Amino acid sequence: MDARNMPLLGHNLNVVSSTDPTLVGRNGAVVSETMRTIVIEQQGRRSRLAKDVIRFTIDDSDAVIDGSQIGQRPEDRIHRRYRK
């Protein structure tokens, strides 16, 4: 399964790049996801990240996911096909 299609809840997310430099390097477990945001928990604190401004990896993988490409509801994204 493509990393863009898998559910993100419970996985470890690491922000690789962002248009907001304060978000780069943030990492934590995904606790919630909506159509436009991802909520991660790091050291007991929760951070809400906008999907359209971040690029991230999941569970220390090499595949970098562009957040603007997964701007759908999580339940709609699972069966979606993406261009390469």
N, C-alpha and C. Protein backbone atom coordinates (compact mmCIF):
# COMPACT_ATOMS: atom_id res chain seq x y z
N MET A 1 0.86 -1.18 0.00
CA MET A 1 0.00 0.00 0.00
C MET A 1 0.89 1.23 0.00
N ASP A 2 0.51 2.22 -0.78
CA ASP A 2 1.22 3.48 -0.85
C ASP A 2 1.10 4.20 0.50
N ALA A 3 2.16 4.86 0.93
CA ALA A 3 2.17 5.55 2.23
C ALA A 3 1.12 6.66 2.28
N ARG A 4 0.77 7.23 1.13
CA ARG A 4 -0.24 8.29 1.11
C ARG A 4 -1.64 7.75 1.37
N ASN A 5 -1.86 6.46 1.15
CA ASN A 5 -3.18 5.89 1.33
C ASN A 5 -3.41 5.31 2.72
N MET A 6 -2.36 5.02 3.43
CA MET A 6 -2.54 4.34 4.71
C MET A 6 -3.06 5.30 5.79
N PRO A 7 -3.79 4.78 6.75
CA PRO A 7 -4.26 5.61 7.85
C PRO A 7 -3.07 6.08 8.68
N LEU A 8 -3.12 7.32 9.14
CA LEU A 8 -1.99 7.88 9.87
C LEU A 8 -2.11 7.74 11.39
N LEU A 9 -3.29 7.49 11.89
CA LEU A 9 -3.50 7.42 13.34
C LEU A 9 -2.59 6.37 13.99
N GLY A 10 -1.92 6.79 15.04
CA GLY A 10 -1.06 5.88 15.79
C GLY A 10 0.35 5.78 15.25
N HIS A 11 0.60 6.29 14.06
CA HIS A 11 1.94 6.24 13.48
C HIS A 11 2.76 7.44 13.93
N ASN A 12 4.07 7.30 13.85
CA ASN A 12 4.99 8.38 14.20
C ASN A 12 5.21 9.26 12.99
N LEU A 13 5.02 10.56 13.13
CA LEU A 13 5.16 11.51 12.04
C LEU A 13 6.35 12.42 12.31
N ASN A 14 7.15 12.70 11.30
CA ASN A 14 8.30 13.59 11.42
C ASN A 14 8.22 14.63 10.30
N VAL A 15 8.15 15.91 10.65
CA VAL A 15 8.07 16.99 9.66
C VAL A 15 9.45 17.24 9.09
N VAL A 16 9.59 17.06 7.77
CA VAL A 16 10.87 17.20 7.08
C VAL A 16 11.07 18.62 6.58
N SER A 17 10.03 19.22 5.99
CA SER A 17 10.13 20.60 5.52
C SER A 17 8.76 21.25 5.63
N SER A 18 8.78 22.59 5.64
CA SER A 18 7.54 23.32 5.78
C SER A 18 7.74 24.76 5.32
N THR A 19 6.65 25.40 4.92
CA THR A 19 6.72 26.83 4.62
C THR A 19 6.84 27.63 5.90
N ASP A 20 6.47 27.04 7.03
CA ASP A 20 6.64 27.65 8.35
C ASP A 20 7.86 27.00 9.00
N PRO A 21 8.99 27.70 9.11
CA PRO A 21 10.22 27.08 9.61
C PRO A 21 10.13 26.59 11.05
N THR A 22 9.16 27.05 11.84
CA THR A 22 9.05 26.59 13.22
C THR A 22 8.51 25.16 13.31
N LEU A 23 7.93 24.65 12.23
CA LEU A 23 7.37 23.30 12.24
C LEU A 23 8.38 22.23 11.86
N VAL A 24 9.47 22.61 11.20
CA VAL A 24 10.47 21.64 10.75
C VAL A 24 11.11 20.96 11.96
N GLY A 25 11.17 19.63 11.90
CA GLY A 25 11.77 18.86 12.99
C GLY A 25 10.78 18.37 14.04
N ARG A 26 9.56 18.82 13.97
CA ARG A 26 8.56 18.32 14.94
C ARG A 26 8.24 16.87 14.63
N ASN A 27 8.10 16.10 15.67
CA ASN A 27 7.73 14.70 15.49
C ASN A 27 6.90 14.24 16.67
N GLY A 28 6.11 13.22 16.43
CA GLY A 28 5.26 12.68 17.47
C GLY A 28 4.24 11.72 16.89
N ALA A 29 3.46 11.15 17.77
CA ALA A 29 2.43 10.20 17.36
C ALA A 29 1.19 10.94 16.89
N VAL A 30 0.63 10.49 15.78
CA VAL A 30 -0.59 11.10 15.24
C VAL A 30 -1.77 10.64 16.09
N VAL A 31 -2.49 11.60 16.69
CA VAL A 31 -3.63 11.27 17.54
C VAL A 31 -4.97 11.63 16.90
N SER A 32 -4.93 12.49 15.88
CA SER A 32 -6.17 12.88 15.21
C SER A 32 -5.82 13.42 13.82
N GLU A 33 -6.78 13.26 12.91
CA GLU A 33 -6.59 13.77 11.55
C GLU A 33 -7.93 14.21 11.00
N THR A 34 -7.94 15.38 10.39
CA THR A 34 -9.13 15.87 9.71
C THR A 34 -8.78 16.09 8.24
N MET A 35 -9.67 16.72 7.52
CA MET A 35 -9.44 16.95 6.10
C MET A 35 -8.24 17.87 5.87
N ARG A 36 -8.04 18.85 6.73
CA ARG A 36 -6.97 19.83 6.51
C ARG A 36 -5.89 19.85 7.57
N THR A 37 -6.05 19.10 8.65
CA THR A 37 -5.05 19.15 9.73
C THR A 37 -4.68 17.77 10.25
N ILE A 38 -3.51 17.72 10.88
CA ILE A 38 -3.04 16.53 11.58
C ILE A 38 -2.65 16.97 12.98
N VAL A 39 -3.09 16.23 14.00
CA VAL A 39 -2.73 16.54 15.38
C VAL A 39 -1.74 15.49 15.85
N ILE A 40 -0.56 15.96 16.32
CA ILE A 40 0.44 15.03 16.84
C ILE A 40 0.65 15.31 18.32
N GLU A 41 1.05 14.28 19.05
CA GLU A 41 1.35 14.43 20.47
C GLU A 41 2.83 14.15 20.65
N GLN A 42 3.52 15.14 21.23
CA GLN A 42 4.94 15.01 21.49
C GLN A 42 5.21 15.46 22.91
N GLN A 43 5.78 14.60 23.71
CA GLN A 43 6.13 14.87 25.10
C GLN A 43 4.93 15.40 25.89
N GLY A 44 3.77 14.79 25.68
CA GLY A 44 2.57 15.16 26.43
C GLY A 44 1.85 16.39 25.92
N ARG A 45 2.37 17.05 24.90
CA ARG A 45 1.73 18.23 24.34
C ARG A 45 1.23 17.93 22.93
N ARG A 46 0.08 18.48 22.59
CA ARG A 46 -0.50 18.26 21.27
C ARG A 46 -0.28 19.47 20.38
N SER A 47 0.05 19.20 19.13
CA SER A 47 0.26 20.26 18.13
C SER A 47 -0.61 19.97 16.92
N ARG A 48 -1.31 21.00 16.45
CA ARG A 48 -2.15 20.87 15.25
C ARG A 48 -1.37 21.44 14.08
N LEU A 49 -1.15 20.62 13.06
CA LEU A 49 -0.37 21.01 11.89
C LEU A 49 -1.28 21.05 10.67
N ALA A 50 -1.17 22.12 9.89
CA ALA A 50 -1.93 22.21 8.64
C ALA A 50 -1.26 21.31 7.61
N LYS A 51 -2.03 20.47 6.93
CA LYS A 51 -1.47 19.53 5.95
C LYS A 51 -0.85 20.25 4.76
N ASP A 52 -1.43 21.36 4.33
CA ASP A 52 -0.97 21.98 3.09
C ASP A 52 0.35 22.74 3.22
N VAL A 53 0.93 22.84 4.41
CA VAL A 53 2.20 23.56 4.56
C VAL A 53 3.36 22.65 4.97
N ILE A 54 3.11 21.34 5.13
CA ILE A 54 4.19 20.46 5.60
C ILE A 54 4.47 19.33 4.61
N ARG A 55 5.69 18.83 4.70
CA ARG A 55 6.11 17.58 4.04
C ARG A 55 6.66 16.73 5.16
N PHE A 56 6.29 15.44 5.20
CA PHE A 56 6.62 14.62 6.36
C PHE A 56 6.90 13.18 5.98
N THR A 57 7.47 12.46 6.93
CA THR A 57 7.68 11.02 6.80
C THR A 57 6.89 10.32 7.89
N ILE A 58 6.59 9.06 7.65
CA ILE A 58 5.85 8.24 8.61
C ILE A 58 6.75 7.10 9.07
N ASP A 59 6.85 6.89 10.37
CA ASP A 59 7.59 5.77 10.97
C ASP A 59 9.00 5.61 10.41
N ASP A 60 9.75 6.69 10.32
CA ASP A 60 11.15 6.67 9.87
C ASP A 60 11.35 6.04 8.49
N SER A 61 10.37 6.15 7.62
CA SER A 61 10.53 5.63 6.26
C SER A 61 11.25 6.67 5.40
N ASP A 62 11.69 6.26 4.23
CA ASP A 62 12.38 7.17 3.32
C ASP A 62 11.40 7.96 2.45
N ALA A 63 10.17 7.51 2.35
CA ALA A 63 9.18 8.17 1.50
C ALA A 63 8.69 9.46 2.15
N VAL A 64 8.89 10.58 1.45
CA VAL A 64 8.42 11.88 1.94
C VAL A 64 7.05 12.15 1.33
N ILE A 65 6.09 12.49 2.18
CA ILE A 65 4.72 12.73 1.76
C ILE A 65 4.46 14.23 1.78
N ASP A 66 3.95 14.75 0.68
CA ASP A 66 3.57 16.16 0.60
C ASP A 66 2.16 16.28 1.18
N GLY A 67 2.02 17.04 2.23
CA GLY A 67 0.74 17.16 2.91
C GLY A 67 -0.37 17.71 2.04
N SER A 68 -0.03 18.55 1.05
CA SER A 68 -1.07 19.11 0.19
C SER A 68 -1.69 18.05 -0.73
N GLN A 69 -1.00 16.92 -0.92
CA GLN A 69 -1.56 15.85 -1.75
C GLN A 69 -2.58 15.01 -1.00
N ILE A 70 -2.55 15.02 0.31
CA ILE A 70 -3.49 14.19 1.08
C ILE A 70 -4.54 15.05 1.78
N GLY A 71 -5.01 16.07 1.09
CA GLY A 71 -6.00 16.98 1.66
C GLY A 71 -7.42 16.47 1.57
N GLN A 72 -7.63 15.20 1.86
CA GLN A 72 -8.98 14.62 1.87
C GLN A 72 -9.25 14.10 3.28
N ARG A 73 -10.49 13.73 3.50
CA ARG A 73 -10.81 13.06 4.76
C ARG A 73 -10.09 11.72 4.78
N PRO A 74 -9.64 11.28 5.94
CA PRO A 74 -8.90 10.01 6.01
C PRO A 74 -9.67 8.84 5.43
N GLU A 75 -10.97 8.79 5.65
CA GLU A 75 -11.76 7.67 5.15
C GLU A 75 -11.91 7.71 3.63
N ASP A 76 -11.79 8.87 3.02
CA ASP A 76 -11.87 8.99 1.56
C ASP A 76 -10.52 8.72 0.89
N ARG A 77 -9.44 8.93 1.62
CA ARG A 77 -8.10 8.81 1.07
C ARG A 77 -7.65 7.36 0.90
N ILE A 78 -8.18 6.44 1.66
CA ILE A 78 -7.71 5.06 1.69
C ILE A 78 -7.80 4.39 0.31
N HIS A 79 -8.88 4.64 -0.43
CA HIS A 79 -9.08 3.97 -1.72
C HIS A 79 -8.72 4.84 -2.91
N ARG A 80 -8.13 5.99 -2.68
CA ARG A 80 -7.80 6.92 -3.76
C ARG A 80 -6.53 6.50 -4.48
N ARG A 81 -6.46 6.78 -5.78
CA ARG A 81 -5.24 6.53 -6.56
C ARG A 81 -4.55 7.85 -6.83
N TYR A 82 -3.23 7.84 -6.71
CA TYR A 82 -2.43 9.05 -6.91
C TYR A 82 -1.56 8.89 -8.14
N ARG A 83 -1.29 9.99 -8.81
CA ARG A 83 -0.36 9.98 -9.94
C ARG A 83 1.04 9.90 -9.42
N LYS A 84 1.92 9.29 -10.19
CA LYS A 84 3.31 9.17 -9.74
C LYS A 84 4.14 10.33 -10.16
